[in-house]
Amino acid sequence: MRSVVHRERNKIYYRALHVPIWIWVFFILPGHLTYALFLHGPDRRHWIWLAVVVAICVWRGFCGRLPGVELRPYITHFGVRQANLPYRVACYTAAWIDLLVPFTLNLIGLVVAATTGVWRIGQLYAGLYYPLACAVVLGTWLGWTPRARRWTDTEGSDWAWFYVALWSIVPSELAGWIMWRLGSRLGLAGAALAGARLAAFLVVAAFFFLLGFLEKLGRTKRYYAELEAGAGRRRLSDSQG
């Protein structure tokens, strides 16, 4: 067991800064709306959905029922087995959908475009977004989704893998977009441009994943309670011997 939080209460600014994060998480959760937003810009549907999300998140934040917005930290020690709270399960499941599903669809789309020269991301979002989102929900139900499990005793490694995913996916998506913007200036088009975007996407994702795996990035240091327990038993055995 390792202590990770020493404060008794979360400061108001700390709680307030987490509310916009969860507003964004749930705002981009409906894949068809998010795809339409980036393709055509906001329309009436987006403003209605944003108003609904803001109202619910502000209400839940005021009640202290969003991760990071609680009056007191819920997880103060890694390795302690306690029931995960339903709102934490829901919020982190949504966050994983936001991370994994667009990353997977963009990767598939770039591979298809690089090999065929045809950009089919619209069809991929229409046909695969919600089945993949349901797969993440199924992973949560089976107890596989980090930070959204039924118990919090694995939080010491789960939160690290969550940040490894953040560090890997967000820069890779940005790299693919930058290469798309630079492609026309470099004289690239069609399959050649898609290939360059795919290369930038994969290289950046692999680079940051490696740094996160090696625990060289912020919040990626992993803690495993069973390893610490094993080391403690070995030390006790050595001292007795």
Protein backbone atom coordinates (compact mmCIF):
# COMPACT_ATOMS: atom_id res chain seq x y z
CA MET A 1 0.00 0.00 0.00
CA ARG A 2 1.32 3.45 -0.90
CA SER A 3 -0.02 6.84 0.11
CA VAL A 4 -0.61 9.12 -2.89
CA VAL A 5 -2.80 11.92 -1.49
CA HIS A 6 -2.08 13.75 1.74
CA ARG A 7 -4.75 16.48 1.62
CA GLU A 8 -8.02 16.18 3.51
CA ARG A 9 -10.06 18.21 1.01
CA ASN A 10 -9.76 19.14 -2.65
CA LYS A 11 -9.28 22.85 -3.21
CA ILE A 12 -12.03 24.73 -5.01
CA TYR A 13 -9.86 25.64 -8.02
CA TYR A 14 -8.77 22.00 -8.36
CA ARG A 15 -12.39 20.86 -8.41
CA ALA A 16 -13.46 23.61 -10.80
CA LEU A 17 -10.68 22.83 -13.30
CA HIS A 18 -11.89 19.24 -13.63
CA VAL A 19 -15.43 20.18 -14.68
CA PRO A 20 -14.47 21.41 -18.21
CA ILE A 21 -12.51 18.19 -18.73
CA TRP A 22 -15.60 16.08 -18.18
CA ILE A 23 -17.73 18.46 -20.24
CA TRP A 24 -15.36 17.83 -23.16
CA VAL A 25 -15.30 14.07 -22.53
CA PHE A 26 -19.08 13.75 -22.75
CA PHE A 27 -19.52 16.39 -25.46
CA ILE A 28 -17.39 14.44 -27.96
CA LEU A 29 -18.77 11.04 -26.87
CA PRO A 30 -21.46 10.74 -29.61
CA GLY A 31 -19.29 9.78 -32.57
CA HIS A 32 -21.67 10.89 -35.32
CA LEU A 33 -21.97 14.37 -33.81
CA THR A 34 -18.23 14.73 -33.30
CA TYR A 35 -17.47 13.63 -36.86
CA ALA A 36 -20.01 16.12 -38.21
CA LEU A 37 -18.53 18.83 -35.98
CA PHE A 38 -15.02 18.43 -37.37
CA LEU A 39 -16.28 17.99 -40.93
CA HIS A 40 -18.81 20.83 -41.18
CA GLY A 41 -18.54 22.84 -37.96
CA PRO A 42 -21.18 23.16 -35.22
CA ASP A 43 -24.88 23.11 -35.97
CA ARG A 44 -28.06 23.17 -33.88
CA ARG A 45 -27.58 19.59 -32.69
CA HIS A 46 -24.14 20.39 -31.25
CA TRP A 47 -25.35 23.42 -29.32
CA ILE A 48 -28.27 21.47 -27.84
CA TRP A 49 -26.02 18.58 -26.85
CA LEU A 50 -23.42 20.97 -25.41
CA ALA A 51 -26.09 22.69 -23.29
CA VAL A 52 -27.29 19.32 -21.97
CA VAL A 53 -23.76 18.17 -21.15
CA VAL A 54 -22.81 21.46 -19.46
CA ALA A 55 -25.97 21.43 -17.34
CA ILE A 56 -25.45 17.84 -16.20
CA CYS A 57 -21.72 18.20 -15.55
CA VAL A 58 -22.15 21.44 -13.62
CA TRP A 59 -24.89 19.80 -11.54
CA ARG A 60 -22.81 16.68 -10.91
CA GLY A 61 -19.76 18.81 -10.19
CA PHE A 62 -21.69 20.90 -7.67
CA CYS A 63 -22.69 17.65 -5.96
CA GLY A 64 -19.07 16.43 -6.04
CA ARG A 65 -19.97 13.46 -8.24
CA LEU A 66 -17.31 13.70 -10.96
CA PRO A 67 -13.74 12.37 -10.75
CA GLY A 68 -11.48 15.09 -9.38
CA VAL A 69 -14.45 17.22 -8.34
CA GLU A 70 -15.12 15.43 -5.06
CA LEU A 71 -15.01 17.36 -1.80
CA ARG A 72 -12.40 14.89 -0.56
CA PRO A 73 -10.08 12.62 -2.55
CA TYR A 74 -11.66 9.20 -2.93
CA ILE A 75 -8.45 7.26 -3.55
CA THR A 76 -5.76 8.21 -1.07
CA HIS A 77 -3.69 5.00 -1.14
CA PHE A 78 -2.73 2.71 -3.98
CA GLY A 79 -3.34 -0.96 -3.32
CA VAL A 80 -6.36 -0.51 -1.06
CA ARG A 81 -9.36 -2.58 -2.15
CA GLN A 82 -12.51 -0.49 -2.06
CA ALA A 83 -15.55 -0.38 -4.30
CA ASN A 84 -15.24 1.94 -7.27
CA LEU A 85 -17.95 4.59 -7.42
CA PRO A 86 -20.53 4.32 -10.23
CA TYR A 87 -19.84 7.83 -11.54
CA ARG A 88 -16.11 7.06 -11.75
CA VAL A 89 -16.88 3.90 -13.71
CA ALA A 90 -19.13 5.82 -16.13
CA CYS A 91 -16.75 8.76 -16.55
CA TYR A 92 -13.62 6.72 -17.18
CA THR A 93 -15.46 4.39 -19.54
CA ALA A 94 -16.50 7.44 -21.54
CA ALA A 95 -12.94 8.78 -21.47
CA TRP A 96 -11.57 5.47 -22.80
CA ILE A 97 -14.15 5.52 -25.61
CA ASP A 98 -13.03 9.05 -26.52
CA LEU A 99 -9.40 7.90 -26.61
CA LEU A 100 -9.49 4.44 -28.14
CA VAL A 101 -12.32 4.55 -30.67
CA PRO A 102 -11.28 7.63 -32.73
CA PHE A 103 -7.64 6.47 -32.55
CA THR A 104 -8.62 3.05 -33.92
CA LEU A 105 -10.86 4.47 -36.64
CA ASN A 106 -8.24 7.00 -37.74
CA LEU A 107 -5.59 4.29 -37.84
CA ILE A 108 -7.80 2.04 -39.98
CA GLY A 109 -8.73 4.98 -42.19
CA LEU A 110 -5.10 5.94 -42.73
CA VAL A 111 -4.11 2.36 -43.56
CA VAL A 112 -6.96 2.09 -46.07
CA ALA A 113 -6.14 5.47 -47.61
CA ALA A 114 -2.42 4.69 -47.82
CA THR A 115 -3.09 1.41 -49.64
CA THR A 116 -6.03 2.42 -51.85
CA GLY A 117 -5.82 6.19 -52.07
CA VAL A 118 -9.44 6.45 -50.90
CA TRP A 119 -10.38 8.22 -47.67
CA ARG A 120 -13.23 6.28 -46.03
CA ILE A 121 -13.26 7.71 -42.53
CA GLY A 122 -16.92 8.74 -42.86
CA GLN A 123 -18.00 5.17 -43.55
CA LEU A 124 -15.81 3.91 -40.72
CA TYR A 125 -17.39 6.31 -38.22
CA ALA A 126 -20.87 5.41 -39.45
CA GLY A 127 -20.31 1.66 -39.28
CA LEU A 128 -17.77 1.05 -36.52
CA TYR A 129 -17.85 3.86 -33.98
CA TYR A 130 -20.71 2.58 -31.83
CA PRO A 131 -19.77 -1.13 -32.06
CA LEU A 132 -16.27 -0.21 -30.84
CA ALA A 133 -17.75 2.00 -28.11
CA CYS A 134 -19.90 -0.95 -27.02
CA ALA A 135 -16.75 -3.09 -26.92
CA VAL A 136 -15.23 -0.65 -24.41
CA VAL A 137 -18.42 -0.77 -22.35
CA LEU A 138 -18.25 -4.57 -22.46
CA GLY A 139 -14.65 -4.36 -21.25
CA THR A 140 -15.84 -2.30 -18.30
CA TRP A 141 -18.57 -4.81 -17.51
CA LEU A 142 -15.97 -7.60 -17.57
CA GLY A 143 -13.68 -5.60 -15.28
CA TRP A 144 -10.97 -4.98 -17.88
CA THR A 145 -11.11 -1.20 -18.34
CA PRO A 146 -8.42 0.59 -16.29
CA ARG A 147 -9.82 3.05 -13.74
CA ALA A 148 -13.35 1.78 -14.47
CA ARG A 149 -13.09 -1.57 -12.68
CA ARG A 150 -15.38 -2.59 -9.84
CA TRP A 151 -12.57 -2.26 -7.30
CA THR A 152 -9.80 0.30 -6.90
CA ASP A 153 -6.95 -1.93 -5.68
CA THR A 154 -5.30 -1.79 -9.16
CA GLU A 155 -5.48 2.02 -9.39
CA GLY A 156 -1.71 2.33 -8.94
CA SER A 157 -1.14 0.78 -12.37
CA ASP A 158 -4.49 1.68 -13.95
CA TRP A 159 -4.02 5.43 -13.67
CA ALA A 160 -0.51 5.10 -15.16
CA TRP A 161 -1.81 3.20 -18.19
CA PHE A 162 -4.56 5.77 -18.59
CA TYR A 163 -1.93 8.51 -18.84
CA VAL A 164 0.23 6.38 -21.14
CA ALA A 165 -2.80 6.27 -23.46
CA LEU A 166 -3.29 10.03 -23.19
CA TRP A 167 0.37 10.74 -23.90
CA SER A 168 0.39 8.35 -26.87
CA ILE A 169 -2.94 9.08 -28.55
CA VAL A 170 -3.31 12.86 -28.33
CA PRO A 171 0.11 13.74 -29.87
CA SER A 172 -0.31 11.09 -32.58
CA GLU A 173 -3.68 12.55 -33.62
CA LEU A 174 -2.09 16.00 -33.67
CA ALA A 175 0.84 14.72 -35.75
CA GLY A 176 -1.53 13.22 -38.32
CA TRP A 177 -3.42 16.52 -38.57
CA ILE A 178 -0.21 18.54 -38.95
CA MET A 179 1.01 16.24 -41.71
CA TRP A 180 -2.34 16.66 -43.47
CA ARG A 181 -1.93 20.46 -43.32
CA LEU A 182 1.67 20.28 -44.54
CA GLY A 183 1.01 17.67 -47.21
CA SER A 184 -0.27 20.02 -49.91
CA ARG A 185 2.70 22.33 -49.37
CA LEU A 186 5.01 19.36 -49.81
CA GLY A 187 3.29 18.33 -53.02
CA LEU A 188 1.69 15.22 -51.54
CA ALA A 189 -1.78 13.97 -52.40
CA GLY A 190 -3.83 10.79 -52.41
CA ALA A 191 -2.11 7.65 -51.21
CA ALA A 192 1.23 9.45 -50.83
CA LEU A 193 -0.26 11.98 -48.43
CA ALA A 194 -2.10 9.24 -46.53
CA GLY A 195 1.14 7.29 -46.25
CA ALA A 196 2.96 10.31 -44.84
CA ARG A 197 0.14 10.91 -42.36
CA LEU A 198 0.16 7.25 -41.35
CA ALA A 199 3.92 7.31 -40.81
CA ALA A 200 3.73 10.45 -38.66
CA PHE A 201 0.78 9.00 -36.75
CA LEU A 202 2.54 5.71 -35.97
CA VAL A 203 5.97 7.16 -35.22
CA VAL A 204 4.64 9.71 -32.74
CA ALA A 205 2.33 7.16 -31.10
CA ALA A 206 5.16 4.62 -30.77
CA PHE A 207 7.59 7.25 -29.46
CA PHE A 208 5.30 8.47 -26.70
CA PHE A 209 4.10 4.98 -25.85
CA LEU A 210 7.71 3.88 -25.39
CA LEU A 211 8.42 6.85 -23.12
CA GLY A 212 5.28 6.12 -21.13
CA PHE A 213 6.09 2.40 -20.92
CA LEU A 214 9.52 3.33 -19.57
CA GLU A 215 7.82 5.67 -17.06
CA LYS A 216 9.57 8.75 -18.45
CA LEU A 217 6.42 10.86 -18.79
CA GLY A 218 4.28 12.53 -16.18
CA ARG A 219 1.98 10.23 -14.17
CA THR A 220 3.14 7.07 -15.95
CA LYS A 221 5.02 5.51 -13.03
CA ARG A 222 3.22 2.29 -12.19
CA TYR A 223 2.65 0.84 -8.75
CA TYR A 224 1.68 -2.80 -8.22
CA ALA A 225 0.57 -3.70 -4.71
CA GLU A 226 1.30 -7.41 -5.22
CA LEU A 227 4.90 -6.66 -6.19
CA GLU A 228 5.41 -4.52 -3.11
CA ALA A 229 3.85 -7.24 -0.95
CA GLY A 230 6.18 -9.82 -2.49
CA ALA A 231 9.20 -7.60 -1.88
CA GLY A 232 8.09 -7.11 1.73
CA ARG A 233 7.81 -10.85 2.27
CA ARG A 234 11.28 -11.36 0.80
CA ARG A 235 12.76 -8.71 3.09
CA LEU A 236 11.08 -10.32 6.10
CA SER A 237 12.39 -13.74 5.09
CA ASP A 238 15.90 -12.37 4.63
CA SER A 239 15.84 -10.67 8.03
CA GLN A 240 14.63 -13.84 9.72
CA GLY A 241 17.25 -15.91 7.91
